[in-house]
Amino acid sequence: MKLFVAGLPYDMDDAELEEFFEKFGTVTSVKVAMDRETGKSKGFAFVEMPNSAEAKEAIEGLNDLPIGRKVLVVKEAEDKQGGGGGGFRPNRDRGGSGGGGYNRYGNNSRPPRDRY
């Protein structure tokens, strides 16, 4: 079972988080999300436990646990739907409304009616 863990202290690493979950059973993997630019924790992680009963015990035992000034949120991870974020979008509007930038129709966000 894959678990989502939020509310982590920013200095907590994979090994420290694994210690929390090992008290409830076998841990397959732990991955604290790190910011690519700063190299610092984003404050959340994913933990995988092969035994769903042990994972549910971990959820019950660790959810709402205060750590420093933060409170842990531990729940079953939701499957990500669709593709990842970002990337190429072929039919994206070039100017948008209100944000400046290039808009081939002037200040209006739609083409004039006679061009339909």
Protein backbone atom coordinates (compact mmCIF):
# COMPACT_ATOMS: atom_id res chain seq x y z
CA MET A 1 0.00 0.00 0.00
CA LYS A 2 1.34 3.42 -0.93
CA LEU A 3 0.92 6.14 1.70
CA PHE A 4 1.02 9.91 1.39
CA VAL A 5 2.66 11.73 4.30
CA ALA A 6 2.43 15.51 4.72
CA GLY A 7 3.38 17.97 7.44
CA LEU A 8 6.98 16.77 7.61
CA PRO A 9 9.65 18.95 9.19
CA TYR A 10 11.79 20.33 6.37
CA ASP A 11 14.93 18.75 7.78
CA MET A 12 13.54 15.18 7.90
CA ASP A 13 15.13 12.78 5.43
CA ASP A 14 14.14 9.35 4.04
CA ALA A 15 15.96 7.37 6.75
CA GLU A 16 14.36 9.29 9.64
CA LEU A 17 10.89 8.91 8.16
CA GLU A 18 11.47 5.19 7.57
CA GLU A 19 12.17 4.77 11.31
CA PHE A 20 8.69 6.11 12.11
CA PHE A 21 6.99 3.62 9.81
CA GLU A 22 9.15 0.58 10.64
CA LYS A 23 7.53 0.54 14.08
CA PHE A 24 4.35 -0.62 12.35
CA GLY A 25 5.85 -3.17 9.94
CA THR A 26 7.90 -3.71 6.82
CA VAL A 27 8.67 -0.66 4.70
CA THR A 28 9.43 -1.20 1.01
CA SER A 29 10.38 2.38 0.12
CA VAL A 30 10.40 5.94 1.44
CA LYS A 31 10.78 9.03 -0.70
CA VAL A 32 10.71 12.54 0.73
CA ALA A 33 9.86 15.02 -2.05
CA MET A 34 12.73 17.41 -2.66
CA ASP A 35 12.71 20.76 -4.45
CA ARG A 36 14.92 20.49 -7.55
CA GLU A 37 16.21 24.04 -7.33
CA THR A 38 16.94 24.34 -3.62
CA GLY A 39 17.55 20.68 -2.74
CA LYS A 40 15.35 21.11 0.34
CA SER A 41 12.38 19.01 1.41
CA LYS A 42 8.93 20.06 0.22
CA GLY A 43 7.42 18.77 3.47
CA PHE A 44 5.72 15.66 2.09
CA ALA A 45 6.67 12.11 1.17
CA PHE A 46 5.46 8.75 -0.10
CA VAL A 47 5.94 5.54 1.87
CA GLU A 48 5.26 2.04 0.55
CA MET A 49 4.37 -0.84 2.84
CA PRO A 50 3.66 -4.29 1.33
CA ASN A 51 1.24 -5.35 4.08
CA SER A 52 -1.97 -3.30 3.93
CA ALA A 53 -2.93 -4.17 7.52
CA GLU A 54 0.40 -2.79 8.77
CA ALA A 55 -0.01 0.27 6.56
CA LYS A 56 -3.46 0.94 8.03
CA GLU A 57 -1.98 0.63 11.54
CA ALA A 58 0.67 3.17 10.55
CA ILE A 59 -2.05 5.53 9.31
CA GLU A 60 -3.94 5.21 12.60
CA GLY A 61 -0.78 5.54 14.71
CA LEU A 62 0.91 8.41 12.89
CA ASN A 63 -1.90 10.56 11.46
CA ASP A 64 -2.33 13.78 13.52
CA LEU A 65 0.96 13.14 15.36
CA PRO A 66 2.57 16.45 16.33
CA ILE A 67 6.23 16.74 15.31
CA GLY A 68 7.75 20.03 16.38
CA ARG A 69 5.44 22.80 15.16
CA LYS A 70 3.80 20.60 12.55
CA VAL A 71 1.23 17.81 12.60
CA LEU A 72 1.65 14.75 10.39
CA VAL A 73 -1.02 13.86 7.86
CA VAL A 74 -0.83 10.20 6.86
CA LYS A 75 -3.31 8.65 4.45
CA GLU A 76 -3.50 6.19 1.60
CA ALA A 77 -2.04 7.76 -1.55
CA GLU A 78 -4.48 8.38 -4.37
CA ASP A 79 -3.63 7.09 -7.83
CA LYS A 80 -2.57 9.94 -10.08
CA GLN A 81 -5.00 10.30 -12.98
CA GLY A 82 -3.78 11.27 -16.43
CA GLY A 83 -0.32 12.40 -17.37
CA GLY A 84 2.13 14.46 -15.42
CA GLY A 85 2.00 18.22 -15.11
CA GLY A 86 3.66 20.66 -17.45
CA GLY A 87 5.11 19.77 -20.78
CA PHE A 88 4.00 20.59 -24.30
CA ARG A 89 0.41 21.69 -24.94
CA PRO A 90 -0.18 22.12 -28.70
CA ASN A 91 -3.50 24.05 -28.56
CA ARG A 92 -2.64 26.47 -25.79
CA ASP A 93 -3.85 30.07 -26.14
CA ARG A 94 -0.90 32.41 -26.70
CA GLY A 95 -2.01 35.56 -24.92
CA GLY A 96 -4.69 34.69 -22.48
CA SER A 97 -6.87 37.32 -20.95
CA GLY A 98 -5.67 40.00 -18.62
CA GLY A 99 -2.10 38.77 -18.37
CA GLY A 100 -0.51 40.77 -21.16
CA GLY A 101 1.56 39.06 -23.78
CA TYR A 102 0.82 38.49 -27.42
CA ASN A 103 -2.79 38.36 -28.52
CA ARG A 104 -3.42 38.55 -32.25
CA TYR A 105 -6.94 39.95 -31.74
CA GLY A 106 -5.93 43.01 -29.72
CA ASN A 107 -7.49 43.51 -26.29
CA ASN A 108 -10.38 41.14 -26.96
CA SER A 109 -9.75 37.50 -26.14
CA ARG A 110 -11.91 36.26 -29.05
CA PRO A 111 -11.64 36.88 -32.76
CA PRO A 112 -14.07 39.33 -34.33
CA ARG A 113 -17.41 37.74 -35.26
CA ASP A 114 -16.93 38.21 -39.00
CA ARG A 115 -13.98 35.80 -38.90
CA TYR A 116 -16.00 32.79 -37.78
